[in-house]
């Protein structure tokens, strides 16, 4: 049985510290951060106390049982069998409540079972046991990103970068948090920094292109979308986004060539493909074809605002032609940690 520890005073204090600290740090970052700088202070007041949970001494038999249960639980998580993994990790926490690995394992189980609130409880317990464990902060940041808590998630990645400044996954996720908060310039600087260190990062290149697209810098966006398709030839989102940039520059024929490639070679059938095809059809003067494509896009993703607004505009106002300068494709953003889709 899962024990609800959400009323723990320790957890309440950690949550309050996390929220406030993240907001202050990110505001400072957005104003002052150059791409190649490390604006991370050494203020120990920002660090959780390393002795929040007393350590427990296990007997040899208990230690053997603990290690076996932990190993089995981790194996079950890799297999996606979260129910059995949960039983193993709960046995670990019974034997040793001060084990961050056991609480972290339970957190992964709850994430896999889509129990995000319970996952957060176990993550905070793991941080109480071992405040500086990077993997735990990564998971906490990823959970917060899933809930669109960008400022708080960014605070977790900042903490990671204080310990490990060269962690490009943490830096990339921090940049994405900034991007989703509207801090585009600092995000662009961070993506460029990542690409300097890792020129083959297709995720960073894609997110950078989307950031430029948000700023309506279509030429710059197109450069990095081209880089993405060079690095990842099967990335349908990148081809569609590049086609969208070409359409924004009124090069509709070139945009159509890219979309035809996506349809014939990659077999993609997602709302974004139909949305961009609608833009191109509009540009070519094919109002009926545009309406058909927007209708397909809405059917595939009823929550997509661009698809709905484009369809409504054509149905109610007629074809105004060529209105393809839309915000960046945030639905395609990737988490560099590989754990979380960034935006729905």
Protein backbone atom coordinates (compact mmCIF):
# COMPACT_ATOMS: atom_id res chain seq x y z
CA UNK A 1 0.00 0.00 0.00
CA UNK A 2 1.31 3.44 -0.91
CA UNK A 3 1.82 5.64 2.12
CA UNK A 4 0.79 9.24 1.46
CA UNK A 5 3.40 11.57 2.90
CA UNK A 6 2.19 14.80 1.31
CA UNK A 7 1.67 16.42 4.74
CA UNK A 8 5.29 15.99 5.74
CA UNK A 9 6.73 19.28 7.03
CA UNK A 10 10.04 18.43 5.36
CA UNK A 11 8.30 18.13 1.99
CA UNK A 12 6.40 21.37 2.49
CA UNK A 13 9.61 23.23 3.21
CA UNK A 14 11.36 21.68 0.20
CA UNK A 15 8.48 22.56 -2.10
CA UNK A 16 8.42 26.16 -0.91
CA UNK A 17 12.18 26.46 -1.36
CA UNK A 18 12.01 24.89 -4.82
CA UNK A 19 9.24 27.17 -6.10
CA UNK A 20 10.67 30.45 -4.82
CA UNK A 21 14.25 29.59 -5.67
CA UNK A 22 13.38 28.59 -9.21
CA UNK A 23 11.49 31.80 -9.91
CA UNK A 24 14.29 34.02 -8.58
CA UNK A 25 17.05 32.09 -10.34
CA UNK A 26 15.27 32.01 -13.69
CA UNK A 27 14.47 35.71 -13.59
CA UNK A 28 18.13 36.40 -12.91
CA UNK A 29 19.15 34.02 -15.69
CA UNK A 30 16.85 35.56 -18.27
CA UNK A 31 18.35 38.99 -17.68
CA UNK A 32 22.04 38.16 -17.41
CA UNK A 33 22.96 34.87 -19.06
CA UNK A 34 25.32 34.86 -22.05
CA UNK A 35 25.69 31.58 -23.89
CA UNK A 36 29.21 30.84 -22.70
CA UNK A 37 28.86 32.01 -19.11
CA UNK A 38 28.06 30.14 -15.93
CA UNK A 39 25.84 32.45 -13.86
CA UNK A 40 25.42 29.95 -11.07
CA UNK A 41 26.22 31.23 -7.61
CA UNK A 42 27.82 29.33 -4.76
CA UNK A 43 25.35 30.43 -2.11
CA UNK A 44 25.02 27.49 0.28
CA UNK A 45 21.63 28.78 1.45
CA UNK A 46 20.25 27.52 -1.88
CA UNK A 47 21.48 23.98 -1.19
CA UNK A 48 19.30 21.55 0.79
CA UNK A 49 20.80 20.27 4.00
CA UNK A 50 22.67 16.98 3.35
CA UNK A 51 21.54 15.45 6.66
CA UNK A 52 17.75 15.70 6.48
CA UNK A 53 17.26 11.96 7.02
CA UNK A 54 19.25 9.88 9.52
CA UNK A 55 21.10 6.97 7.93
CA UNK A 56 20.12 3.44 8.93
CA UNK A 57 22.56 0.61 9.57
CA UNK A 58 21.33 -2.67 8.07
CA UNK A 59 22.31 -6.15 9.10
CA UNK A 60 24.05 -8.30 6.49
CA UNK A 61 20.83 -10.20 5.85
CA UNK A 62 18.84 -6.97 5.50
CA UNK A 63 21.46 -5.47 3.23
CA UNK A 64 21.37 -8.53 0.98
CA UNK A 65 17.57 -8.42 0.79
CA UNK A 66 17.65 -4.67 0.14
CA UNK A 67 20.16 -4.94 -2.70
CA UNK A 68 18.27 -7.83 -4.30
CA UNK A 69 14.94 -5.97 -4.14
CA UNK A 70 16.52 -2.80 -5.49
CA UNK A 71 18.15 -4.64 -8.40
CA UNK A 72 14.91 -6.48 -9.22
CA UNK A 73 12.91 -3.27 -9.05
CA UNK A 74 15.27 -1.48 -11.42
CA UNK A 75 15.07 -4.42 -13.84
CA UNK A 76 11.27 -4.36 -13.75
CA UNK A 77 11.28 -0.59 -14.48
CA UNK A 78 13.40 -1.19 -17.58
CA UNK A 79 10.88 -3.83 -18.67
CA UNK A 80 7.97 -1.43 -18.07
CA UNK A 81 6.50 -3.65 -15.35
CA UNK A 82 5.87 -0.85 -12.88
CA UNK A 83 3.51 -2.79 -10.61
CA UNK A 84 6.11 -5.45 -9.77
CA UNK A 85 8.83 -2.81 -9.56
CA UNK A 86 6.73 -0.89 -7.05
CA UNK A 87 6.50 -3.94 -4.77
CA UNK A 88 10.29 -4.29 -4.84
CA UNK A 89 10.98 -0.64 -4.10
CA UNK A 90 8.41 -0.53 -1.31
CA UNK A 91 10.21 -3.44 0.33
CA UNK A 92 13.40 -1.40 0.02
CA UNK A 93 11.86 1.62 1.74
CA UNK A 94 10.59 -0.62 4.52
CA UNK A 95 14.08 -1.97 5.09
CA UNK A 96 15.80 1.39 4.67
CA UNK A 97 13.60 4.53 4.59
CA UNK A 98 16.73 6.67 4.12
CA UNK A 99 17.59 5.18 0.70
CA UNK A 100 17.30 7.77 -2.06
CA UNK A 101 17.57 5.00 -4.67
CA UNK A 102 14.50 3.26 -3.28
CA UNK A 103 12.39 6.43 -3.24
CA UNK A 104 13.63 7.35 -6.70
CA UNK A 105 12.65 3.91 -7.94
CA UNK A 106 9.14 4.39 -6.55
CA UNK A 107 8.99 7.77 -8.26
CA UNK A 108 9.80 6.16 -11.62
CA UNK A 109 7.04 3.60 -10.99
CA UNK A 110 4.47 6.32 -10.31
CA UNK A 111 5.55 8.23 -13.42
CA UNK A 112 5.15 5.04 -15.45
CA UNK A 113 1.69 4.51 -13.92
CA UNK A 114 0.84 8.19 -14.56
CA UNK A 115 0.53 8.96 -10.85
CA UNK A 116 2.39 12.27 -11.01
CA UNK A 117 1.36 13.55 -7.57
CA UNK A 118 2.60 10.40 -5.88
CA UNK A 119 5.74 10.51 -8.01
CA UNK A 120 6.42 14.03 -6.71
CA UNK A 121 6.08 12.81 -3.11
CA UNK A 122 8.69 10.11 -3.67
CA UNK A 123 11.01 12.49 -5.52
CA UNK A 124 10.96 14.88 -2.56
CA UNK A 125 11.61 11.98 -0.22
CA UNK A 126 14.59 11.00 -2.38
CA UNK A 127 15.90 14.58 -2.21
CA UNK A 128 15.56 14.57 1.56
CA UNK A 129 17.75 11.49 1.64
CA UNK A 130 20.30 12.72 -0.94
CA UNK A 131 19.80 16.39 -1.94
CA UNK A 132 22.57 16.49 -4.55
CA UNK A 133 21.62 13.41 -6.59
CA UNK A 134 21.44 14.65 -10.18
CA UNK A 135 19.18 11.87 -11.47
CA UNK A 136 16.54 12.79 -8.89
CA UNK A 137 16.57 16.45 -9.87
CA UNK A 138 16.31 15.46 -13.53
CA UNK A 139 13.21 13.41 -12.84
CA UNK A 140 11.69 16.22 -10.76
CA UNK A 141 12.34 18.68 -13.58
CA UNK A 142 10.80 16.32 -16.13
CA UNK A 143 7.66 15.84 -14.04
CA UNK A 144 7.32 19.61 -13.66
CA UNK A 145 7.78 20.07 -17.42
CA UNK A 146 4.97 17.60 -18.07
CA UNK A 147 2.76 19.81 -15.90
CA UNK A 148 3.96 22.95 -17.74
CA UNK A 149 5.57 24.26 -14.54
CA UNK A 150 8.39 25.80 -16.53
CA UNK A 151 9.83 28.12 -13.88
CA UNK A 152 10.04 25.39 -11.25
CA UNK A 153 11.45 22.86 -13.70
CA UNK A 154 14.06 25.35 -14.82
CA UNK A 155 15.13 25.77 -11.21
CA UNK A 156 15.89 22.06 -11.00
CA UNK A 157 18.07 22.15 -14.13
CA UNK A 158 19.90 25.18 -12.74
CA UNK A 159 20.70 23.18 -9.62
CA UNK A 160 22.06 20.39 -11.81
CA UNK A 161 24.23 22.83 -13.76
CA UNK A 162 25.71 24.15 -10.53
CA UNK A 163 26.98 20.66 -9.85
CA UNK A 164 27.71 19.68 -13.45
CA UNK A 165 28.15 22.72 -15.76
CA UNK A 166 28.86 20.52 -18.79
CA UNK A 167 25.58 18.61 -18.55
CA UNK A 168 24.14 19.49 -21.97
CA UNK A 169 20.86 17.69 -21.36
CA UNK A 170 20.18 19.85 -18.29
CA UNK A 171 21.22 22.97 -20.19
CA UNK A 172 18.93 22.05 -23.09
CA UNK A 173 15.95 21.46 -20.83
CA UNK A 174 16.64 24.74 -19.04
CA UNK A 175 16.66 26.48 -22.45
CA UNK A 176 13.32 24.88 -23.30
CA UNK A 177 11.83 26.09 -20.01
CA UNK A 178 13.02 29.60 -20.82
CA UNK A 179 11.58 29.31 -24.32
CA UNK A 180 8.19 28.21 -23.03
CA UNK A 181 8.24 31.13 -20.58
CA UNK A 182 8.79 33.54 -23.46
CA UNK A 183 12.46 34.21 -22.67
CA UNK A 184 13.52 33.53 -26.24
CA UNK A 185 16.90 35.29 -26.38
CA UNK A 186 18.39 33.46 -23.37
CA UNK A 187 17.02 30.20 -24.77
CA UNK A 188 18.65 30.84 -28.15
CA UNK A 189 21.97 31.50 -26.43
CA UNK A 190 21.76 28.21 -24.58
CA UNK A 191 20.87 26.18 -27.69
CA UNK A 192 23.80 27.73 -29.55
CA UNK A 193 26.09 26.87 -26.64
CA UNK A 194 24.94 23.24 -26.83
CA UNK A 195 25.55 23.10 -30.57
CA UNK A 196 29.04 24.50 -30.07
CA UNK A 197 29.76 21.63 -27.69
CA UNK A 198 27.79 19.01 -29.61
CA UNK A 199 27.28 19.97 -33.29
CA UNK A 200 25.36 16.72 -33.91
CA UNK A 201 22.57 17.47 -31.42
CA UNK A 202 19.51 17.41 -33.67
CA UNK A 203 17.25 18.15 -30.70
CA UNK A 204 19.09 21.36 -29.86
CA UNK A 205 19.08 22.37 -33.54
CA UNK A 206 15.32 21.74 -33.79
CA UNK A 207 14.53 23.70 -30.64
CA UNK A 208 16.78 26.54 -31.78
CA UNK A 209 14.97 26.67 -35.12
CA UNK A 210 11.62 26.77 -33.35
CA UNK A 211 12.89 29.62 -31.15
CA UNK A 212 13.88 31.62 -34.22
CA UNK A 213 10.49 30.88 -35.73
CA UNK A 214 8.83 32.26 -32.60
CA UNK A 215 10.68 35.50 -33.27
CA UNK A 216 9.53 35.43 -36.93
CA UNK A 217 13.18 35.10 -38.00
CA UNK A 218 12.29 32.73 -40.82
CA UNK A 219 15.67 32.70 -42.57
CA UNK A 220 17.48 31.72 -39.38
CA UNK A 221 14.83 29.13 -38.55
CA UNK A 222 15.21 27.57 -42.00
CA UNK A 223 18.98 27.25 -41.56
CA UNK A 224 18.59 25.15 -38.44
CA UNK A 225 15.67 23.08 -39.75
CA UNK A 226 17.95 22.18 -42.67
CA UNK A 227 20.59 21.19 -40.16
CA UNK A 228 18.06 18.96 -38.39
CA UNK A 229 17.10 17.05 -41.54
CA UNK A 230 20.78 16.59 -42.35
CA UNK A 231 21.37 15.11 -38.90
CA UNK A 232 18.05 13.24 -38.70
CA UNK A 233 16.68 12.43 -42.19
CA UNK A 234 13.59 10.75 -40.72
CA UNK A 235 12.42 13.77 -38.71
CA UNK A 236 9.07 14.54 -40.32
CA UNK A 237 8.47 17.51 -38.00
CA UNK A 238 11.66 19.15 -39.25
CA UNK A 239 10.74 18.70 -42.92
CA UNK A 240 7.27 20.13 -42.29
CA UNK A 241 8.70 23.04 -40.32
CA UNK A 242 11.21 23.78 -43.08
CA UNK A 243 8.36 23.68 -45.59
CA UNK A 244 6.47 26.13 -43.41
CA UNK A 245 9.45 28.51 -43.44
CA UNK A 246 9.64 28.28 -47.23
CA UNK A 247 5.91 28.98 -47.45
CA UNK A 248 6.36 32.03 -45.21
CA UNK A 249 8.92 33.24 -47.77
CA UNK A 250 6.30 32.52 -50.46
CA UNK A 251 8.37 29.75 -52.01
CA UNK A 252 5.33 27.48 -52.18
CA UNK A 253 6.63 25.14 -54.85
CA UNK A 254 9.75 24.28 -52.83
CA UNK A 255 7.59 23.83 -49.74
CA UNK A 256 5.34 21.42 -51.65
CA UNK A 257 8.34 19.36 -52.74
CA UNK A 258 9.30 18.85 -49.09
CA UNK A 259 5.75 17.93 -48.08
CA UNK A 260 5.51 15.43 -50.91
CA UNK A 261 8.73 13.85 -49.67
CA UNK A 262 7.34 13.55 -46.16
CA UNK A 263 4.17 11.88 -47.44
CA UNK A 264 5.90 9.47 -49.83
CA UNK A 265 9.06 8.55 -47.93
CA UNK A 266 8.26 8.98 -44.25
CA UNK A 267 4.60 8.05 -44.34
CA UNK A 268 3.80 10.75 -41.82
CA UNK A 269 0.16 11.51 -41.10
CA UNK A 270 -0.03 14.01 -38.27
CA UNK A 271 -1.91 17.23 -37.74
CA UNK A 272 1.16 19.37 -38.34
CA UNK A 273 1.71 17.92 -41.82
CA UNK A 274 -1.89 18.75 -42.76
CA UNK A 275 -1.62 22.20 -41.18
CA UNK A 276 1.45 23.12 -43.23
CA UNK A 277 -0.12 21.61 -46.35
CA UNK A 278 -3.06 23.92 -45.71
CA UNK A 279 -0.70 26.91 -45.57
CA UNK A 280 0.87 25.89 -48.87
CA UNK A 281 -2.51 25.33 -50.52
CA UNK A 282 -3.56 28.80 -49.42
CA UNK A 283 -0.42 30.27 -50.90
CA UNK A 284 -1.10 28.51 -54.18
CA UNK A 285 -4.65 29.89 -54.22
CA UNK A 286 -6.33 26.55 -53.53
CA UNK A 287 -8.91 27.54 -50.92
CA UNK A 288 -10.85 24.27 -51.10
CA UNK A 289 -7.67 22.23 -50.70
CA UNK A 290 -6.62 24.39 -47.74
CA UNK A 291 -9.97 23.86 -46.01
CA UNK A 292 -9.66 20.10 -46.53
CA UNK A 293 -6.19 20.05 -45.00
CA UNK A 294 -7.15 22.23 -42.03
CA UNK A 295 -10.16 20.00 -41.42
CA UNK A 296 -7.90 16.93 -41.33
CA UNK A 297 -5.52 18.73 -38.96
CA UNK A 298 -8.35 19.59 -36.57
CA UNK A 299 -9.67 16.02 -36.70
CA UNK A 300 -6.25 14.65 -35.77
CA UNK A 301 -5.64 17.20 -33.02
CA UNK A 302 -8.79 19.06 -31.90
CA UNK A 303 -6.78 21.04 -29.36
CA UNK A 304 -4.41 22.65 -31.86
CA UNK A 305 -5.19 26.36 -31.94
CA UNK A 306 -3.44 27.09 -35.25
CA UNK A 307 -5.42 24.44 -37.10
CA UNK A 308 -8.74 25.58 -35.67
CA UNK A 309 -8.10 29.28 -36.25
CA UNK A 310 -6.91 28.69 -39.82
CA UNK A 311 -9.98 26.62 -40.63
CA UNK A 312 -12.33 29.13 -38.99
CA UNK A 313 -10.68 32.02 -40.84
CA UNK A 314 -11.20 30.42 -44.24
CA UNK A 315 -14.75 29.31 -43.53
CA UNK A 316 -15.87 32.64 -42.08
CA UNK A 317 -13.68 35.24 -43.76
CA UNK A 318 -12.62 33.76 -47.07
CA UNK A 319 -9.14 33.14 -48.36
CA UNK A 320 -6.87 36.02 -47.39
CA UNK A 321 -3.95 34.18 -48.99
CA UNK A 322 -0.49 33.39 -47.84
CA UNK A 323 -0.95 34.04 -44.11
CA UNK A 324 1.64 31.56 -42.96
CA UNK A 325 3.73 33.53 -40.46
CA UNK A 326 2.71 31.54 -37.41
CA UNK A 327 4.49 31.16 -34.06
CA UNK A 328 7.18 28.50 -33.79
CA UNK A 329 6.17 24.87 -33.79
CA UNK A 330 6.37 24.25 -30.04
CA UNK A 331 4.56 20.92 -30.40
CA UNK A 332 7.73 19.51 -31.91
CA UNK A 333 10.08 20.56 -29.14
CA UNK A 334 12.17 17.77 -27.67
CA UNK A 335 13.53 17.21 -24.19
CA UNK A 336 17.26 16.63 -24.34
CA UNK A 337 16.99 14.28 -21.37
CA UNK A 338 14.96 11.97 -23.59
CA UNK A 339 12.35 11.44 -20.87
CA UNK A 340 9.65 13.99 -21.56
CA UNK A 341 7.74 15.45 -24.47
CA UNK A 342 7.93 19.18 -23.95
CA UNK A 343 4.61 20.48 -25.16
CA UNK A 344 1.35 18.89 -26.15
